Amino acid sequence: MLDGDFTVDFSYTINPITDIASIVITATDEDNTVFQTAFTAPISPQTFIGDCDETVGP
């Protein structure tokens, strides 16, 4: 079990042809213990969260 305060980095890339996002979440605590998980997920205009001037899909 992970416990304590972590610094969390969330990054993603989007394949513009398939609209599939590759997401990586990395959490690091004060002792440099690192937890990382990665996954892919389909995105759509309804599910996309990005900068205000970014869009995805049709």
PDB file of N, CA and C in Angstrom:
ATOM      1  N   MET A   1       0.834  -1.178   0.000  1.00  0.00           N
ATOM      2  CA  MET A   1       0.000   0.000   0.000  1.00  0.00           C
ATOM      3  C   MET A   1       0.883   1.248   0.000  1.00  0.00           C
ATOM      4  N   LEU A   2       0.513   2.217  -0.790  1.00  0.00           N
ATOM      5  CA  LEU A   2       1.235   3.489  -0.822  1.00  0.00           C
ATOM      6  C   LEU A   2       0.605   4.440   0.182  1.00  0.00           C
ATOM      7  N   ASP A   3       1.453   5.153   0.911  1.00  0.00           N
ATOM      8  CA  ASP A   3       0.953   6.076   1.916  1.00  0.00           C
ATOM      9  C   ASP A   3       1.857   7.297   1.939  1.00  0.00           C
ATOM     10  N   GLY A   4       1.295   8.474   2.199  1.00  0.00           N
ATOM     11  CA  GLY A   4       2.087   9.682   2.312  1.00  0.00           C
ATOM     12  C   GLY A   4       1.777  10.676   1.218  1.00  0.00           C
ATOM     13  N   ASP A   5       2.640  11.667   1.110  1.00  0.00           N
ATOM     14  CA  ASP A   5       2.480  12.717   0.112  1.00  0.00           C
ATOM     15  C   ASP A   5       3.301  12.374  -1.125  1.00  0.00           C
ATOM     16  N   PHE A   6       2.669  12.506  -2.286  1.00  0.00           N
ATOM     17  CA  PHE A   6       3.317  12.208  -3.555  1.00  0.00           C
ATOM     18  C   PHE A   6       3.220  13.395  -4.491  1.00  0.00           C
ATOM     19  N   THR A   7       4.249  13.579  -5.295  1.00  0.00           N
ATOM     20  CA  THR A   7       4.197  14.497  -6.426  1.00  0.00           C
ATOM     21  C   THR A   7       3.769  13.654  -7.624  1.00  0.00           C
ATOM     22  N   VAL A   8       2.734  14.103  -8.330  1.00  0.00           N
ATOM     23  CA  VAL A   8       2.157  13.298  -9.400  1.00  0.00           C
ATOM     24  C   VAL A   8       2.324  14.010 -10.738  1.00  0.00           C
ATOM     25  N   ASP A   9       2.824  13.248 -11.721  1.00  0.00           N
ATOM     26  CA  ASP A   9       2.953  13.739 -13.087  1.00  0.00           C
ATOM     27  C   ASP A   9       1.985  12.951 -13.957  1.00  0.00           C
ATOM     28  N   PHE A  10       1.188  13.676 -14.721  1.00  0.00           N
ATOM     29  CA  PHE A  10       0.216  13.076 -15.639  1.00  0.00           C
ATOM     30  C   PHE A  10       0.589  13.528 -17.034  1.00  0.00           C
ATOM     31  N   SER A  11       0.884  12.569 -17.917  1.00  0.00           N
ATOM     32  CA  SER A  11       1.215  12.946 -19.284  1.00  0.00           C
ATOM     33  C   SER A  11       0.455  12.044 -20.249  1.00  0.00           C
ATOM     34  N   TYR A  12       0.264  12.559 -21.459  1.00  0.00           N
ATOM     35  CA  TYR A  12      -0.440  11.767 -22.455  1.00  0.00           C
ATOM     36  C   TYR A  12      -0.010  12.178 -23.854  1.00  0.00           C
ATOM     37  N   THR A  13      -0.171  11.246 -24.778  1.00  0.00           N
ATOM     38  CA  THR A  13      -0.019  11.532 -26.197  1.00  0.00           C
ATOM     39  C   THR A  13      -1.265  10.977 -26.875  1.00  0.00           C
ATOM     40  N   ILE A  14      -1.647  11.610 -27.985  1.00  0.00           N
ATOM     41  CA  ILE A  14      -2.838  11.197 -28.710  1.00  0.00           C
ATOM     42  C   ILE A  14      -2.460  10.827 -30.133  1.00  0.00           C
ATOM     43  N   ASN A  15      -2.887   9.653 -30.561  1.00  0.00           N
ATOM     44  CA  ASN A  15      -2.723   9.255 -31.947  1.00  0.00           C
ATOM     45  C   ASN A  15      -3.854   9.926 -32.729  1.00  0.00           C
ATOM     46  N   PRO A  16      -3.547  10.876 -33.603  1.00  0.00           N
ATOM     47  CA  PRO A  16      -4.598  11.626 -34.292  1.00  0.00           C
ATOM     48  C   PRO A  16      -5.380  10.798 -35.309  1.00  0.00           C
ATOM     49  N   ILE A  17      -4.833   9.663 -35.710  1.00  0.00           N
ATOM     50  CA  ILE A  17      -5.545   8.811 -36.673  1.00  0.00           C
ATOM     51  C   ILE A  17      -6.586   7.937 -35.975  1.00  0.00           C
ATOM     52  N   THR A  18      -6.220   7.395 -34.812  1.00  0.00           N
ATOM     53  CA  THR A  18      -7.114   6.468 -34.105  1.00  0.00           C
ATOM     54  C   THR A  18      -7.877   7.119 -32.950  1.00  0.00           C
ATOM     55  N   ASP A  19      -7.488   8.343 -32.565  1.00  0.00           N
ATOM     56  CA  ASP A  19      -8.044   8.994 -31.375  1.00  0.00           C
ATOM     57  C   ASP A  19      -7.912   8.107 -30.130  1.00  0.00           C
ATOM     58  N   ILE A  20      -6.749   7.462 -30.021  1.00  0.00           N
ATOM     59  CA  ILE A  20      -6.410   6.681 -28.833  1.00  0.00           C
ATOM     60  C   ILE A  20      -5.346   7.451 -28.058  1.00  0.00           C
ATOM     61  N   ALA A  21      -5.592   7.657 -26.776  1.00  0.00           N
ATOM     62  CA  ALA A  21      -4.633   8.342 -25.912  1.00  0.00           C
ATOM     63  C   ALA A  21      -3.789   7.311 -25.173  1.00  0.00           C
ATOM     64  N   SER A  22      -2.493   7.576 -25.092  1.00  0.00           N
ATOM     65  CA  SER A  22      -1.578   6.794 -24.259  1.00  0.00           C
ATOM     66  C   SER A  22      -1.266   7.653 -23.041  1.00  0.00           C
ATOM     67  N   ILE A  23      -1.636   7.162 -21.877  1.00  0.00           N
ATOM     68  CA  ILE A  23      -1.540   7.941 -20.643  1.00  0.00           C
ATOM     69  C   ILE A  23      -0.506   7.310 -19.717  1.00  0.00           C
ATOM     70  N   VAL A  24       0.326   8.146 -19.096  1.00  0.00           N
ATOM     71  CA  VAL A  24       1.300   7.687 -18.105  1.00  0.00           C
ATOM     72  C   VAL A  24       1.132   8.552 -16.862  1.00  0.00           C
ATOM     73  N   ILE A  25       0.948   7.895 -15.720  1.00  0.00           N
ATOM     74  CA  ILE A  25       0.847   8.589 -14.434  1.00  0.00           C
ATOM     75  C   ILE A  25       2.002   8.101 -13.565  1.00  0.00           C
ATOM     76  N   THR A  26       2.800   9.049 -13.070  1.00  0.00           N
ATOM     77  CA  THR A  26       3.949   8.734 -12.228  1.00  0.00           C
ATOM     78  C   THR A  26       3.809   9.489 -10.914  1.00  0.00           C
ATOM     79  N   ALA A  27       3.916   8.776  -9.805  1.00  0.00           N
ATOM     80  CA  ALA A  27       3.849   9.394  -8.476  1.00  0.00           C
ATOM     81  C   ALA A  27       5.159   9.118  -7.742  1.00  0.00           C
ATOM     82  N   THR A  28       5.738  10.177  -7.160  1.00  0.00           N
ATOM     83  CA  THR A  28       7.009  10.068  -6.438  1.00  0.00           C
ATOM     84  C   THR A  28       6.834  10.656  -5.047  1.00  0.00           C
ATOM     85  N   ASP A  29       7.260   9.905  -4.011  1.00  0.00           N
ATOM     86  CA  ASP A  29       7.131  10.438  -2.656  1.00  0.00           C
ATOM     87  C   ASP A  29       8.427  11.092  -2.195  1.00  0.00           C
ATOM     88  N   GLU A  30       8.441  11.535  -0.946  1.00  0.00           N
ATOM     89  CA  GLU A  30       9.583  12.270  -0.399  1.00  0.00           C
ATOM     90  C   GLU A  30      10.851  11.425  -0.347  1.00  0.00           C
ATOM     91  N   ASP A  31      10.708  10.095  -0.277  1.00  0.00           N
ATOM     92  CA  ASP A  31      11.864   9.189  -0.218  1.00  0.00           C
ATOM     93  C   ASP A  31      12.257   8.676  -1.601  1.00  0.00           C
ATOM     94  N   ASN A  32      11.705   9.288  -2.651  1.00  0.00           N
ATOM     95  CA  ASN A  32      11.930   8.884  -4.042  1.00  0.00           C
ATOM     96  C   ASN A  32      11.371   7.498  -4.379  1.00  0.00           C
ATOM     97  N   THR A  33      10.370   7.060  -3.618  1.00  0.00           N
ATOM     98  CA  THR A  33       9.629   5.867  -4.001  1.00  0.00           C
ATOM     99  C   THR A  33       8.745   6.258  -5.175  1.00  0.00           C
ATOM    100  N   VAL A  34       8.799   5.469  -6.249  1.00  0.00           N
ATOM    101  CA  VAL A  34       8.079   5.814  -7.478  1.00  0.00           C
ATOM    102  C   VAL A  34       7.035   4.741  -7.781  1.00  0.00           C
ATOM    103  N   PHE A  35       5.842   5.193  -8.078  1.00  0.00           N
ATOM    104  CA  PHE A  35       4.774   4.330  -8.577  1.00  0.00           C
ATOM    105  C   PHE A  35       4.397   4.856  -9.952  1.00  0.00           C
ATOM    106  N   GLN A  36       4.326   3.960 -10.943  1.00  0.00           N
ATOM    107  CA  GLN A  36       3.971   4.398 -12.287  1.00  0.00           C
ATOM    108  C   GLN A  36       2.962   3.434 -12.887  1.00  0.00           C
ATOM    109  N   THR A  37       1.993   3.979 -13.588  1.00  0.00           N
ATOM    110  CA  THR A  37       1.040   3.168 -14.325  1.00  0.00           C
ATOM    111  C   THR A  37       0.830   3.798 -15.697  1.00  0.00           C
ATOM    112  N   ALA A  38       0.585   2.954 -16.677  1.00  0.00           N
ATOM    113  CA  ALA A  38       0.364   3.428 -18.040  1.00  0.00           C
ATOM    114  C   ALA A  38      -0.819   2.665 -18.632  1.00  0.00           C
ATOM    115  N   PHE A  39      -1.596   3.349 -19.450  1.00  0.00           N
ATOM    116  CA  PHE A  39      -2.721   2.696 -20.107  1.00  0.00           C
ATOM    117  C   PHE A  39      -3.103   3.477 -21.348  1.00  0.00           C
ATOM    118  N   THR A  40      -3.926   2.863 -22.184  1.00  0.00           N
ATOM    119  CA  THR A  40      -4.461   3.533 -23.368  1.00  0.00           C
ATOM    120  C   THR A  40      -5.975   3.603 -23.233  1.00  0.00           C
ATOM    121  N   ALA A  41      -6.555   4.610 -23.880  1.00  0.00           N
ATOM    122  CA  ALA A  41      -8.005   4.787 -23.816  1.00  0.00           C
ATOM    123  C   ALA A  41      -8.482   5.554 -25.039  1.00  0.00           C
ATOM    124  N   PRO A  42      -9.642   5.164 -25.578  1.00  0.00           N
ATOM    125  CA  PRO A  42     -10.212   5.933 -26.683  1.00  0.00           C
ATOM    126  C   PRO A  42     -10.697   7.282 -26.166  1.00  0.00           C
ATOM    127  N   ILE A  43     -10.576   8.304 -26.989  1.00  0.00           N
ATOM    128  CA  ILE A  43     -11.057   9.627 -26.593  1.00  0.00           C
ATOM    129  C   ILE A  43     -12.036  10.135 -27.643  1.00  0.00           C
ATOM    130  N   SER A  44     -12.817  11.072 -27.243  1.00  0.00           N
ATOM    131  CA  SER A  44     -13.795  11.710 -28.127  1.00  0.00           C
ATOM    132  C   SER A  44     -13.895  13.169 -27.705  1.00  0.00           C
ATOM    133  N   PRO A  45     -14.568  14.006 -28.479  1.00  0.00           N
ATOM    134  CA  PRO A  45     -14.737  15.398 -28.037  1.00  0.00           C
ATOM    135  C   PRO A  45     -15.407  15.496 -26.661  1.00  0.00           C
ATOM    136  N   GLN A  46     -16.240  14.525 -26.302  1.00  0.00           N
ATOM    137  CA  GLN A  46     -16.924  14.556 -25.011  1.00  0.00           C
ATOM    138  C   GLN A  46     -16.017  14.156 -23.846  1.00  0.00           C
ATOM    139  N   THR A  47     -14.982  13.351 -24.104  1.00  0.00           N
ATOM    140  CA  THR A  47     -14.122  12.872 -23.024  1.00  0.00           C
ATOM    141  C   THR A  47     -12.772  13.563 -22.963  1.00  0.00           C
ATOM    142  N   PHE A  48     -12.433  14.357 -23.970  1.00  0.00           N
ATOM    143  CA  PHE A  48     -11.115  14.968 -24.041  1.00  0.00           C
ATOM    144  C   PHE A  48     -11.003  16.131 -23.069  1.00  0.00           C
ATOM    145  N   ILE A  49      -9.918  16.125 -22.294  1.00  0.00           N
ATOM    146  CA  ILE A  49      -9.598  17.243 -21.406  1.00  0.00           C
ATOM    147  C   ILE A  49      -8.227  17.747 -21.824  1.00  0.00           C
ATOM    148  N   GLY A  50      -8.163  18.961 -22.299  1.00  0.00           N
ATOM    149  CA  GLY A  50      -6.901  19.534 -22.736  1.00  0.00           C
ATOM    150  C   GLY A  50      -6.951  21.036 -22.620  1.00  0.00           C
ATOM    151  N   ASP A  51      -5.990  21.705 -23.235  1.00  0.00           N
ATOM    152  CA  ASP A  51      -5.978  23.159 -23.230  1.00  0.00           C
ATOM    153  C   ASP A  51      -7.221  23.684 -23.937  1.00  0.00           C
ATOM    154  N   CYS A  52      -7.616  24.888 -23.599  1.00  0.00           N
ATOM    155  CA  CYS A  52      -8.838  25.478 -24.142  1.00  0.00           C
ATOM    156  C   CYS A  52      -8.834  25.561 -25.667  1.00  0.00           C
ATOM    157  N   ASP A  53      -7.654  25.697 -26.271  1.00  0.00           N
ATOM    158  CA  ASP A  53      -7.613  25.829 -27.722  1.00  0.00           C
ATOM    159  C   ASP A  53      -7.372  24.501 -28.432  1.00  0.00           C
ATOM    160  N   GLU A  54      -7.355  23.384 -27.690  1.00  0.00           N
ATOM    161  CA  GLU A  54      -7.154  22.063 -28.281  1.00  0.00           C
ATOM    162  C   GLU A  54      -8.493  21.384 -28.544  1.00  0.00           C
ATOM    163  N   THR A  55      -8.570  20.646 -29.624  1.00  0.00           N
ATOM    164  CA  THR A  55      -9.743  19.829 -29.912  1.00  0.00           C
ATOM    165  C   THR A  55      -9.285  18.454 -30.374  1.00  0.00           C
ATOM    166  N   VAL A  56     -10.190  17.509 -30.372  1.00  0.00           N
ATOM    167  CA  VAL A  56      -9.876  16.165 -30.818  1.00  0.00           C
ATOM    168  C   VAL A  56     -11.094  15.605 -31.543  1.00  0.00           C
ATOM    169  N   GLY A  57     -10.808  14.730 -32.489  1.00  0.00           N
ATOM    170  CA  GLY A  57     -11.885  14.043 -33.188  1.00  0.00           C
ATOM    171  C   GLY A  57     -12.649  14.927 -34.147  1.00  0.00           C
ATOM    172  N   PRO A  58     -13.745  14.363 -34.662  1.00  0.00           N
ATOM    173  CA  PRO A  58     -14.523  15.082 -35.670  1.00  0.00           C
ATOM    174  C   PRO A  58     -15.231  16.311 -35.138  1.00  0.00           C
TER     175      PRO A  58
END
